[in-house]
Amino acid sequence: LRFNTSTSVFDQVASLSQVVTSLASFNGKIYAAQGDVTQIQESATGDGGSWSGVGGSTHAFTYLRSYNGYLYCLKATGGEGALDYFNGTAWNSETAGAGQIITVATSDVALTGIVGFQNDIIITAATGMYSLSSSFVYQVIDYSNEQYQDNGKNSLTWMADGRIYVPIGQSLHAYDGSRL
């Protein structure tokens, strides 16, 4: 949908094959994730009018985040290849050497989102928070004792105080980079 300022209503501009799970604006285009089994789509013109698949079936993700010159893509479950990023020309998974495919936690961890924070990428999960360092991901916060399937969903960095706000269970927590 796109808001039409002349009619003050939303107009449908395209119909994609699957439900859209995340959107991001990057490098003059709009990207749409459609889950871990359908490849990412990109708008050819940047206005959302026409769409095409990105990089084949290997680029199927649930969450997208444009941050610091990269488009980060995250799957809904952890494990090998759960995170990838695009610099506008090439994907890390296609250009990295052996052993550079990014693993996030294990395949039994439900990932719930991705946030740009203090020049880092923070990945939220049902059980904790993870940080990307080069091509290595490590856990920074463990809240597995408050495990809930939607922990971390829709987390965001609030620029007014520079913290990430993370929903955990029925609470909202602030993360300042060292403690939650």
N, C-alpha and C. Protein backbone atom coordinates (compact mmCIF):
# COMPACT_ATOMS: atom_id res chain seq x y z
N LEU A 1 0.83 -1.18 0.00
CA LEU A 1 0.00 0.00 0.00
C LEU A 1 0.88 1.24 0.00
N ARG A 2 0.38 2.27 -0.63
CA ARG A 2 1.08 3.56 -0.65
C ARG A 2 0.04 4.63 -0.40
N PHE A 3 0.37 5.60 0.46
CA PHE A 3 -0.57 6.66 0.77
C PHE A 3 -0.64 7.65 -0.38
N ASN A 4 -1.84 7.91 -0.84
CA ASN A 4 -2.09 8.85 -1.93
C ASN A 4 -2.48 10.18 -1.30
N THR A 5 -1.62 11.18 -1.41
CA THR A 5 -1.88 12.46 -0.77
C THR A 5 -3.02 13.23 -1.42
N SER A 6 -3.31 12.97 -2.67
CA SER A 6 -4.39 13.70 -3.33
C SER A 6 -5.77 13.17 -2.93
N THR A 7 -5.86 11.86 -2.63
CA THR A 7 -7.15 11.29 -2.23
C THR A 7 -7.22 11.00 -0.73
N SER A 8 -6.10 11.10 -0.04
CA SER A 8 -6.00 10.83 1.40
C SER A 8 -6.40 9.40 1.77
N VAL A 9 -6.12 8.45 0.89
CA VAL A 9 -6.36 7.04 1.16
C VAL A 9 -5.14 6.24 0.69
N PHE A 10 -5.06 4.98 1.13
CA PHE A 10 -4.00 4.10 0.69
C PHE A 10 -4.40 3.41 -0.61
N ASP A 11 -3.47 3.35 -1.56
CA ASP A 11 -3.68 2.65 -2.82
C ASP A 11 -2.83 1.38 -2.82
N GLN A 12 -3.37 0.29 -3.34
CA GLN A 12 -2.57 -0.92 -3.51
C GLN A 12 -1.68 -0.72 -4.73
N VAL A 13 -0.37 -0.94 -4.53
CA VAL A 13 0.56 -0.74 -5.63
C VAL A 13 1.11 -2.05 -6.19
N ALA A 14 0.98 -3.12 -5.41
CA ALA A 14 1.49 -4.41 -5.88
C ALA A 14 0.86 -5.52 -5.06
N SER A 15 0.92 -6.72 -5.59
CA SER A 15 0.45 -7.91 -4.89
C SER A 15 1.58 -8.93 -4.94
N LEU A 16 2.09 -9.32 -3.78
CA LEU A 16 3.18 -10.29 -3.71
C LEU A 16 2.63 -11.68 -3.44
N SER A 17 3.45 -12.69 -3.67
CA SER A 17 2.99 -14.08 -3.60
C SER A 17 2.73 -14.57 -2.18
N GLN A 18 3.36 -13.98 -1.18
CA GLN A 18 3.23 -14.41 0.21
C GLN A 18 3.00 -13.20 1.11
N VAL A 19 2.65 -13.46 2.35
CA VAL A 19 2.49 -12.40 3.35
C VAL A 19 3.84 -11.71 3.56
N VAL A 20 3.84 -10.41 3.65
CA VAL A 20 5.06 -9.64 3.90
C VAL A 20 5.32 -9.64 5.40
N THR A 21 6.52 -10.09 5.81
CA THR A 21 6.87 -10.16 7.22
C THR A 21 7.72 -8.99 7.69
N SER A 22 8.36 -8.27 6.75
CA SER A 22 9.19 -7.14 7.12
C SER A 22 9.48 -6.31 5.87
N LEU A 23 9.64 -5.01 6.06
CA LEU A 23 10.01 -4.09 4.98
C LEU A 23 11.24 -3.29 5.39
N ALA A 24 12.03 -2.91 4.40
CA ALA A 24 13.17 -2.03 4.65
C ALA A 24 13.42 -1.19 3.40
N SER A 25 13.87 0.02 3.61
CA SER A 25 14.28 0.89 2.53
C SER A 25 15.80 0.90 2.52
N PHE A 26 16.40 0.57 1.36
CA PHE A 26 17.85 0.49 1.28
C PHE A 26 18.30 0.80 -0.13
N ASN A 27 19.28 1.68 -0.25
CA ASN A 27 19.93 1.95 -1.52
C ASN A 27 18.94 2.39 -2.61
N GLY A 28 17.94 3.17 -2.22
CA GLY A 28 16.96 3.70 -3.17
C GLY A 28 15.88 2.72 -3.58
N LYS A 29 15.80 1.59 -2.90
CA LYS A 29 14.77 0.59 -3.21
C LYS A 29 14.04 0.19 -1.94
N ILE A 30 12.89 -0.42 -2.12
CA ILE A 30 12.14 -1.00 -1.01
C ILE A 30 12.32 -2.51 -1.09
N TYR A 31 12.61 -3.13 0.05
CA TYR A 31 12.77 -4.58 0.12
C TYR A 31 11.67 -5.16 0.99
N ALA A 32 11.15 -6.31 0.59
CA ALA A 32 10.09 -6.99 1.33
C ALA A 32 10.51 -8.42 1.62
N ALA A 33 10.52 -8.78 2.90
CA ALA A 33 10.76 -10.17 3.30
C ALA A 33 9.42 -10.87 3.37
N GLN A 34 9.42 -12.15 3.00
CA GLN A 34 8.19 -12.93 2.99
C GLN A 34 8.36 -14.25 3.73
N GLY A 35 9.22 -14.27 4.72
CA GLY A 35 9.42 -15.49 5.50
C GLY A 35 10.60 -16.30 5.01
N ASP A 36 10.94 -17.31 5.77
CA ASP A 36 12.15 -18.09 5.54
C ASP A 36 12.09 -19.03 4.33
N VAL A 37 10.95 -19.13 3.67
CA VAL A 37 10.86 -20.04 2.52
C VAL A 37 10.63 -19.31 1.20
N THR A 38 10.45 -18.00 1.22
CA THR A 38 10.22 -17.22 0.00
C THR A 38 11.29 -16.15 -0.12
N GLN A 39 11.91 -16.04 -1.28
CA GLN A 39 13.01 -15.08 -1.44
C GLN A 39 12.53 -13.64 -1.23
N ILE A 40 13.47 -12.82 -0.81
CA ILE A 40 13.21 -11.39 -0.63
C ILE A 40 12.83 -10.79 -1.98
N GLN A 41 11.93 -9.83 -1.94
CA GLN A 41 11.54 -9.10 -3.14
C GLN A 41 12.08 -7.67 -3.03
N GLU A 42 12.40 -7.07 -4.18
CA GLU A 42 12.82 -5.66 -4.20
C GLU A 42 11.99 -4.91 -5.22
N SER A 43 11.72 -3.65 -4.90
CA SER A 43 11.02 -2.81 -5.87
C SER A 43 12.04 -2.34 -6.89
N ALA A 44 11.73 -2.52 -8.12
CA ALA A 44 12.66 -2.17 -9.19
C ALA A 44 12.88 -0.67 -9.28
N THR A 45 11.86 0.11 -9.00
CA THR A 45 11.94 1.56 -9.17
C THR A 45 12.01 2.32 -7.85
N GLY A 46 11.88 1.63 -6.75
CA GLY A 46 11.93 2.30 -5.46
C GLY A 46 10.60 2.86 -5.01
N ASP A 47 9.57 2.76 -5.85
CA ASP A 47 8.26 3.30 -5.48
C ASP A 47 7.27 2.20 -5.12
N GLY A 48 7.69 0.94 -5.16
CA GLY A 48 6.83 -0.17 -4.80
C GLY A 48 5.88 -0.62 -5.89
N GLY A 49 6.00 -0.07 -7.08
CA GLY A 49 5.08 -0.42 -8.16
C GLY A 49 5.34 -1.75 -8.82
N SER A 50 6.61 -2.13 -8.97
CA SER A 50 6.93 -3.43 -9.56
C SER A 50 8.00 -4.11 -8.71
N TRP A 51 7.93 -5.44 -8.64
CA TRP A 51 8.79 -6.19 -7.73
C TRP A 51 9.47 -7.35 -8.46
N SER A 52 10.65 -7.72 -7.97
CA SER A 52 11.35 -8.89 -8.49
C SER A 52 12.11 -9.56 -7.35
N GLY A 53 12.40 -10.84 -7.52
CA GLY A 53 13.11 -11.59 -6.50
C GLY A 53 14.57 -11.19 -6.41
N VAL A 54 15.13 -11.32 -5.22
CA VAL A 54 16.53 -10.95 -4.97
C VAL A 54 17.35 -12.21 -4.71
N GLY A 55 18.32 -12.46 -5.55
CA GLY A 55 19.32 -13.47 -5.28
C GLY A 55 18.85 -14.91 -5.19
N GLY A 56 17.69 -15.23 -5.68
CA GLY A 56 17.23 -16.61 -5.68
C GLY A 56 16.76 -17.09 -4.32
N SER A 57 16.51 -18.38 -4.23
CA SER A 57 15.91 -18.95 -3.03
C SER A 57 16.83 -18.93 -1.82
N THR A 58 18.12 -18.70 -2.01
CA THR A 58 19.03 -18.64 -0.87
C THR A 58 18.82 -17.37 -0.06
N HIS A 59 18.09 -16.42 -0.57
CA HIS A 59 17.86 -15.16 0.14
C HIS A 59 16.41 -15.06 0.60
N ALA A 60 16.02 -16.03 1.41
CA ALA A 60 14.69 -16.06 1.99
C ALA A 60 14.82 -15.78 3.48
N PHE A 61 14.23 -14.68 3.93
CA PHE A 61 14.36 -14.26 5.32
C PHE A 61 13.03 -13.71 5.83
N THR A 62 12.92 -13.59 7.16
CA THR A 62 11.71 -13.09 7.79
C THR A 62 11.85 -11.63 8.21
N TYR A 63 13.03 -11.21 8.66
CA TYR A 63 13.23 -9.85 9.17
C TYR A 63 14.29 -9.11 8.36
N LEU A 64 14.07 -7.82 8.15
CA LEU A 64 15.00 -6.96 7.43
C LEU A 64 15.32 -5.73 8.27
N ARG A 65 16.54 -5.21 8.12
CA ARG A 65 16.91 -3.95 8.77
C ARG A 65 17.98 -3.29 7.94
N SER A 66 17.74 -2.05 7.55
CA SER A 66 18.74 -1.24 6.87
C SER A 66 19.47 -0.43 7.94
N TYR A 67 20.81 -0.58 7.98
CA TYR A 67 21.56 0.10 9.03
C TYR A 67 23.02 0.28 8.60
N ASN A 68 23.53 1.48 8.75
CA ASN A 68 24.94 1.82 8.50
C ASN A 68 25.45 1.32 7.14
N GLY A 69 24.65 1.49 6.10
CA GLY A 69 25.09 1.16 4.75
C GLY A 69 24.92 -0.29 4.33
N TYR A 70 24.19 -1.08 5.11
CA TYR A 70 23.94 -2.48 4.77
C TYR A 70 22.47 -2.80 4.95
N LEU A 71 22.02 -3.80 4.22
CA LEU A 71 20.70 -4.39 4.43
C LEU A 71 20.94 -5.72 5.13
N TYR A 72 20.52 -5.81 6.40
CA TYR A 72 20.67 -7.04 7.18
C TYR A 72 19.40 -7.86 7.08
N CYS A 73 19.56 -9.17 6.94
CA CYS A 73 18.43 -10.08 6.75
C CYS A 73 18.57 -11.22 7.75
N LEU A 74 17.46 -11.53 8.43
CA LEU A 74 17.48 -12.51 9.51
C LEU A 74 16.36 -13.52 9.32
N LYS A 75 16.65 -14.77 9.59
CA LYS A 75 15.64 -15.83 9.55
C LYS A 75 14.84 -15.84 10.86
N ALA A 76 13.75 -16.59 10.90
CA ALA A 76 12.92 -16.69 12.10
C ALA A 76 13.45 -17.72 13.09
N THR A 77 14.37 -18.56 12.64
CA THR A 77 15.00 -19.53 13.54
C THR A 77 16.51 -19.42 13.42
N GLY A 78 17.18 -19.68 14.53
CA GLY A 78 18.63 -19.60 14.56
C GLY A 78 19.28 -20.74 13.83
N GLY A 79 20.59 -20.75 13.88
CA GLY A 79 21.39 -21.79 13.24
C GLY A 79 22.28 -21.21 12.17
N GLU A 80 22.91 -22.09 11.40
CA GLU A 80 23.82 -21.67 10.34
C GLU A 80 23.07 -20.92 9.25
N GLY A 81 23.62 -19.80 8.82
CA GLY A 81 23.02 -19.02 7.75
C GLY A 81 21.80 -18.22 8.17
N ALA A 82 21.59 -18.04 9.47
CA ALA A 82 20.40 -17.32 9.96
C ALA A 82 20.49 -15.82 9.70
N LEU A 83 21.70 -15.30 9.47
CA LEU A 83 21.90 -13.87 9.25
C LEU A 83 22.76 -13.68 8.01
N ASP A 84 22.39 -12.70 7.20
CA ASP A 84 23.17 -12.34 6.02
C ASP A 84 23.06 -10.83 5.85
N TYR A 85 23.94 -10.25 5.07
CA TYR A 85 23.82 -8.82 4.79
C TYR A 85 24.27 -8.51 3.37
N PHE A 86 23.75 -7.40 2.87
CA PHE A 86 23.93 -6.97 1.48
C PHE A 86 24.47 -5.55 1.50
N ASN A 87 25.51 -5.28 0.72
CA ASN A 87 26.11 -3.94 0.69
C ASN A 87 25.63 -3.10 -0.50
N GLY A 88 24.66 -3.61 -1.25
CA GLY A 88 24.16 -2.93 -2.42
C GLY A 88 24.69 -3.53 -3.71
N THR A 89 25.77 -4.31 -3.59
CA THR A 89 26.37 -4.97 -4.74
C THR A 89 26.45 -6.48 -4.55
N ALA A 90 26.90 -6.91 -3.37
CA ALA A 90 27.10 -8.34 -3.13
C ALA A 90 26.63 -8.73 -1.73
N TRP A 91 26.27 -10.01 -1.60
CA TRP A 91 25.86 -10.57 -0.31
C TRP A 91 27.08 -11.17 0.39
N ASN A 92 27.15 -11.03 1.70
CA ASN A 92 28.22 -11.62 2.48
C ASN A 92 28.31 -13.12 2.22
N SER A 93 27.18 -13.81 2.18
CA SER A 93 27.19 -15.27 2.01
C SER A 93 27.75 -15.70 0.65
N GLU A 94 27.74 -14.81 -0.32
CA GLU A 94 28.25 -15.15 -1.65
C GLU A 94 29.72 -14.78 -1.82
N THR A 95 30.19 -13.79 -1.08
CA THR A 95 31.57 -13.32 -1.26
C THR A 95 32.50 -13.73 -0.13
N ALA A 96 31.95 -14.15 1.01
CA ALA A 96 32.79 -14.51 2.16
C ALA A 96 33.52 -15.81 1.90
N GLY A 97 34.65 -15.94 2.55
CA GLY A 97 35.40 -17.19 2.44
C GLY A 97 34.74 -18.30 3.24
N ALA A 98 35.31 -19.47 3.16
CA ALA A 98 34.78 -20.62 3.90
C ALA A 98 34.72 -20.28 5.39
N GLY A 99 33.67 -20.69 6.03
CA GLY A 99 33.52 -20.43 7.47
C GLY A 99 32.94 -19.07 7.78
N GLN A 100 32.59 -18.28 6.77
CA GLN A 100 32.09 -16.93 7.01
C GLN A 100 30.56 -16.84 6.97
N ILE A 101 29.87 -17.96 6.76
CA ILE A 101 28.42 -17.95 6.82
C ILE A 101 28.05 -17.68 8.27
N ILE A 102 27.13 -16.75 8.49
CA ILE A 102 26.86 -16.29 9.85
C ILE A 102 25.83 -17.18 10.54
N THR A 103 26.24 -17.71 11.69
CA THR A 103 25.38 -18.55 12.52
C THR A 103 24.90 -17.73 13.70
N VAL A 104 23.61 -17.84 13.99
CA VAL A 104 23.02 -17.17 15.15
C VAL A 104 22.44 -18.24 16.06
N ALA A 105 22.99 -18.38 17.25
CA ALA A 105 22.51 -19.34 18.25
C ALA A 105 22.43 -20.74 17.63
N THR A 106 21.38 -21.48 17.98
CA THR A 106 21.18 -22.82 17.44
C THR A 106 19.81 -22.89 16.77
N SER A 107 19.58 -23.97 16.04
CA SER A 107 18.35 -24.08 15.26
C SER A 107 17.08 -24.20 16.10
N ASP A 108 17.20 -24.37 17.41
CA ASP A 108 16.01 -24.43 18.25
C ASP A 108 15.66 -23.08 18.88
N VAL A 109 16.40 -22.03 18.54
CA VAL A 109 16.14 -20.69 19.08
C VAL A 109 15.27 -19.90 18.11
N ALA A 110 14.14 -19.40 18.60
CA ALA A 110 13.25 -18.57 17.79
C ALA A 110 13.77 -17.13 17.79
N LEU A 111 14.12 -16.63 16.61
CA LEU A 111 14.60 -15.25 16.46
C LEU A 111 13.39 -14.36 16.21
N THR A 112 13.40 -13.16 16.80
CA THR A 112 12.20 -12.31 16.73
C THR A 112 12.44 -10.93 16.13
N GLY A 113 13.68 -10.58 15.83
CA GLY A 113 13.90 -9.28 15.21
C GLY A 113 15.36 -8.88 15.16
N ILE A 114 15.57 -7.73 14.53
CA ILE A 114 16.92 -7.21 14.34
C ILE A 114 16.87 -5.70 14.48
N VAL A 115 17.84 -5.13 15.23
CA VAL A 115 17.84 -3.71 15.55
C VAL A 115 19.25 -3.15 15.35
N GLY A 116 19.35 -1.95 14.79
CA GLY A 116 20.63 -1.24 14.73
C GLY A 116 20.80 -0.45 16.01
N PHE A 117 21.96 -0.59 16.65
CA PHE A 117 22.17 0.03 17.96
C PHE A 117 23.64 0.33 18.18
N GLN A 118 23.98 1.58 18.41
CA GLN A 118 25.35 2.01 18.70
C GLN A 118 26.37 1.39 17.75
N ASN A 119 26.10 1.49 16.45
CA ASN A 119 26.94 0.93 15.39
C ASN A 119 27.06 -0.59 15.43
N ASP A 120 26.15 -1.25 16.13
CA ASP A 120 26.11 -2.70 16.17
C ASP A 120 24.77 -3.19 15.65
N ILE A 121 24.73 -4.46 15.33
CA ILE A 121 23.48 -5.13 15.00
C ILE A 121 23.13 -6.01 16.18
N ILE A 122 21.94 -5.79 16.72
CA ILE A 122 21.43 -6.59 17.83
C ILE A 122 20.30 -7.47 17.31
N ILE A 123 20.37 -8.73 17.61
CA ILE A 123 19.35 -9.70 17.21
C ILE A 123 18.58 -10.09 18.45
N THR A 124 17.27 -9.97 18.39
CA THR A 124 16.45 -10.38 19.53
C THR A 124 15.89 -11.78 19.27
N ALA A 125 15.70 -12.50 20.36
CA ALA A 125 15.19 -13.87 20.29
C ALA A 125 14.25 -14.10 21.46
N ALA A 126 13.57 -15.21 21.44
CA ALA A 126 12.66 -15.56 22.53
C ALA A 126 13.42 -15.76 23.83
N THR A 127 14.71 -16.08 23.74
CA THR A 127 15.50 -16.42 24.92
C THR A 127 16.58 -15.41 25.30
N GLY A 128 16.85 -14.43 24.46
CA GLY A 128 17.91 -13.47 24.77
C GLY A 128 18.23 -12.55 23.61
N MET A 129 19.30 -11.79 23.77
CA MET A 129 19.75 -10.86 22.74
C MET A 129 21.16 -11.23 22.32
N TYR A 130 21.45 -11.04 21.01
CA TYR A 130 22.73 -11.40 20.43
C TYR A 130 23.29 -10.19 19.70
N SER A 131 24.60 -10.14 19.55
CA SER A 131 25.26 -9.04 18.85
C SER A 131 26.16 -9.59 17.75
N LEU A 132 26.16 -8.89 16.61
CA LEU A 132 27.02 -9.26 15.49
C LEU A 132 28.35 -8.56 15.62
N SER A 133 29.44 -9.32 15.53
CA SER A 133 30.79 -8.78 15.53
C SER A 133 31.51 -9.41 14.36
N SER A 134 31.71 -8.64 13.29
CA SER A 134 32.28 -9.14 12.04
C SER A 134 31.36 -10.22 11.50
N SER A 135 31.78 -11.47 11.48
CA SER A 135 30.90 -12.55 11.02
C SER A 135 30.61 -13.54 12.16
N PHE A 136 30.78 -13.06 13.38
CA PHE A 136 30.55 -13.89 14.57
C PHE A 136 29.43 -13.26 15.38
N VAL A 137 28.51 -14.08 15.86
CA VAL A 137 27.40 -13.60 16.68
C VAL A 137 27.53 -14.19 18.08
N TYR A 138 27.44 -13.35 19.10
CA TYR A 138 27.53 -13.83 20.47
C TYR A 138 26.36 -13.29 21.29
N GLN A 139 26.01 -14.03 22.34
CA GLN A 139 24.88 -13.63 23.17
C GLN A 139 25.33 -12.57 24.16
N VAL A 140 24.55 -11.48 24.26
CA VAL A 140 24.87 -10.40 25.18
C VAL A 140 23.92 -10.37 26.38
N ILE A 141 22.71 -10.83 26.23
CA ILE A 141 21.72 -10.86 27.31
C ILE A 141 20.97 -12.19 27.24
N ASP A 142 20.79 -12.80 28.41
CA ASP A 142 20.02 -14.05 28.50
C ASP A 142 18.78 -13.78 29.35
N TYR A 143 17.62 -13.93 28.73
CA TYR A 143 16.38 -13.84 29.50
C TYR A 143 15.55 -15.11 29.29
N SER A 144 16.25 -16.24 29.18
CA SER A 144 15.57 -17.51 28.93
C SER A 144 14.66 -17.93 30.08
N ASN A 145 14.89 -17.39 31.28
CA ASN A 145 13.99 -17.70 32.40
C ASN A 145 12.64 -17.01 32.23
N GLU A 146 12.54 -16.09 31.29
CA GLU A 146 11.28 -15.41 30.97
C GLU A 146 10.89 -15.70 29.53
N GLN A 147 11.14 -16.92 29.09
CA GLN A 147 10.93 -17.30 27.71
C GLN A 147 9.46 -17.15 27.29
N TYR A 148 9.25 -16.46 26.21
CA TYR A 148 7.94 -16.22 25.63
C TYR A 148 8.15 -16.07 24.14
N GLN A 149 7.29 -16.62 23.33
CA GLN A 149 7.53 -16.65 21.87
C GLN A 149 7.67 -15.28 21.23
N ASP A 150 7.07 -14.25 21.81
CA ASP A 150 7.15 -12.92 21.21
C ASP A 150 8.18 -12.01 21.86
N ASN A 151 9.03 -12.52 22.76
CA ASN A 151 10.08 -11.70 23.35
C ASN A 151 10.91 -11.05 22.25
N GLY A 152 11.13 -9.76 22.37
CA GLY A 152 11.98 -9.05 21.43
C GLY A 152 11.32 -8.57 20.16
N LYS A 153 10.08 -9.00 19.88
CA LYS A 153 9.40 -8.56 18.65
C LYS A 153 9.17 -7.06 18.68
N ASN A 154 9.46 -6.44 17.56
CA ASN A 154 9.28 -4.99 17.37
C ASN A 154 10.11 -4.14 18.32
N SER A 155 11.25 -4.66 18.76
CA SER A 155 12.18 -3.86 19.56
C SER A 155 12.66 -2.69 18.72
N LEU A 156 12.98 -1.59 19.38
CA LEU A 156 13.49 -0.45 18.63
C LEU A 156 14.41 0.39 19.48
N THR A 157 15.28 1.12 18.79
CA THR A 157 16.15 2.07 19.46
C THR A 157 15.45 3.41 19.50
N TRP A 158 15.32 3.97 20.70
CA TRP A 158 14.71 5.28 20.85
C TRP A 158 15.83 6.30 20.90
N MET A 159 15.85 7.19 19.93
CA MET A 159 16.95 8.14 19.80
C MET A 159 17.00 9.16 20.95
N ALA A 160 15.89 9.38 21.62
CA ALA A 160 15.86 10.36 22.71
C ALA A 160 16.79 9.97 23.86
N ASP A 161 16.92 8.68 24.15
CA ASP A 161 17.81 8.26 25.23
C ASP A 161 18.86 7.23 24.78
N GLY A 162 18.83 6.83 23.50
CA GLY A 162 19.84 5.94 22.96
C GLY A 162 19.77 4.50 23.43
N ARG A 163 18.63 4.08 23.93
CA ARG A 163 18.48 2.70 24.41
C ARG A 163 17.59 1.90 23.46
N ILE A 164 17.77 0.57 23.51
CA ILE A 164 16.85 -0.32 22.81
C ILE A 164 15.75 -0.67 23.79
N TYR A 165 14.52 -0.58 23.34
CA TYR A 165 13.38 -1.00 24.15
C TYR A 165 12.92 -2.36 23.65
N VAL A 166 12.90 -3.32 24.59
CA VAL A 166 12.67 -4.72 24.26
C VAL A 166 11.48 -5.25 25.05
N PRO A 167 10.44 -5.73 24.35
CA PRO A 167 9.34 -6.38 25.07
C PRO A 167 9.75 -7.79 25.50
N ILE A 168 9.58 -8.08 26.78
CA ILE A 168 9.86 -9.41 27.32
C ILE A 168 8.67 -9.80 28.18
N GLY A 169 7.97 -10.84 27.76
CA GLY A 169 6.76 -11.23 28.46
C GLY A 169 5.76 -10.09 28.41
N GLN A 170 5.29 -9.67 29.55
CA GLN A 170 4.34 -8.56 29.61
C GLN A 170 5.01 -7.29 30.10
N SER A 171 6.32 -7.19 29.93
CA SER A 171 7.09 -6.03 30.39
C SER A 171 7.84 -5.41 29.22
N LEU A 172 8.26 -4.19 29.41
CA LEU A 172 9.10 -3.49 28.44
C LEU A 172 10.39 -3.13 29.16
N HIS A 173 11.52 -3.57 28.59
CA HIS A 173 12.82 -3.35 29.20
C HIS A 173 13.68 -2.45 28.31
N ALA A 174 14.57 -1.69 28.93
CA ALA A 174 15.50 -0.83 28.20
C ALA A 174 16.90 -1.42 28.29
N TYR A 175 17.60 -1.49 27.16
CA TYR A 175 18.96 -2.00 27.10
C TYR A 175 19.88 -0.84 26.72
N ASP A 176 20.91 -0.57 27.53
CA ASP A 176 21.79 0.57 27.29
C ASP A 176 23.13 0.18 26.68
N GLY A 177 23.30 -1.06 26.33
CA GLY A 177 24.56 -1.53 25.76
C GLY A 177 25.35 -2.37 26.71
N SER A 178 25.02 -2.30 28.01
CA SER A 178 25.72 -3.15 28.98
C SER A 178 24.76 -3.89 29.89
N ARG A 179 23.59 -3.33 30.12
CA ARG A 179 22.63 -4.05 30.98
C ARG A 179 21.21 -3.79 30.54
N LEU A 180 20.36 -4.73 30.89
CA LEU A 180 18.95 -4.67 30.56
C LEU A 180 18.17 -4.31 31.80
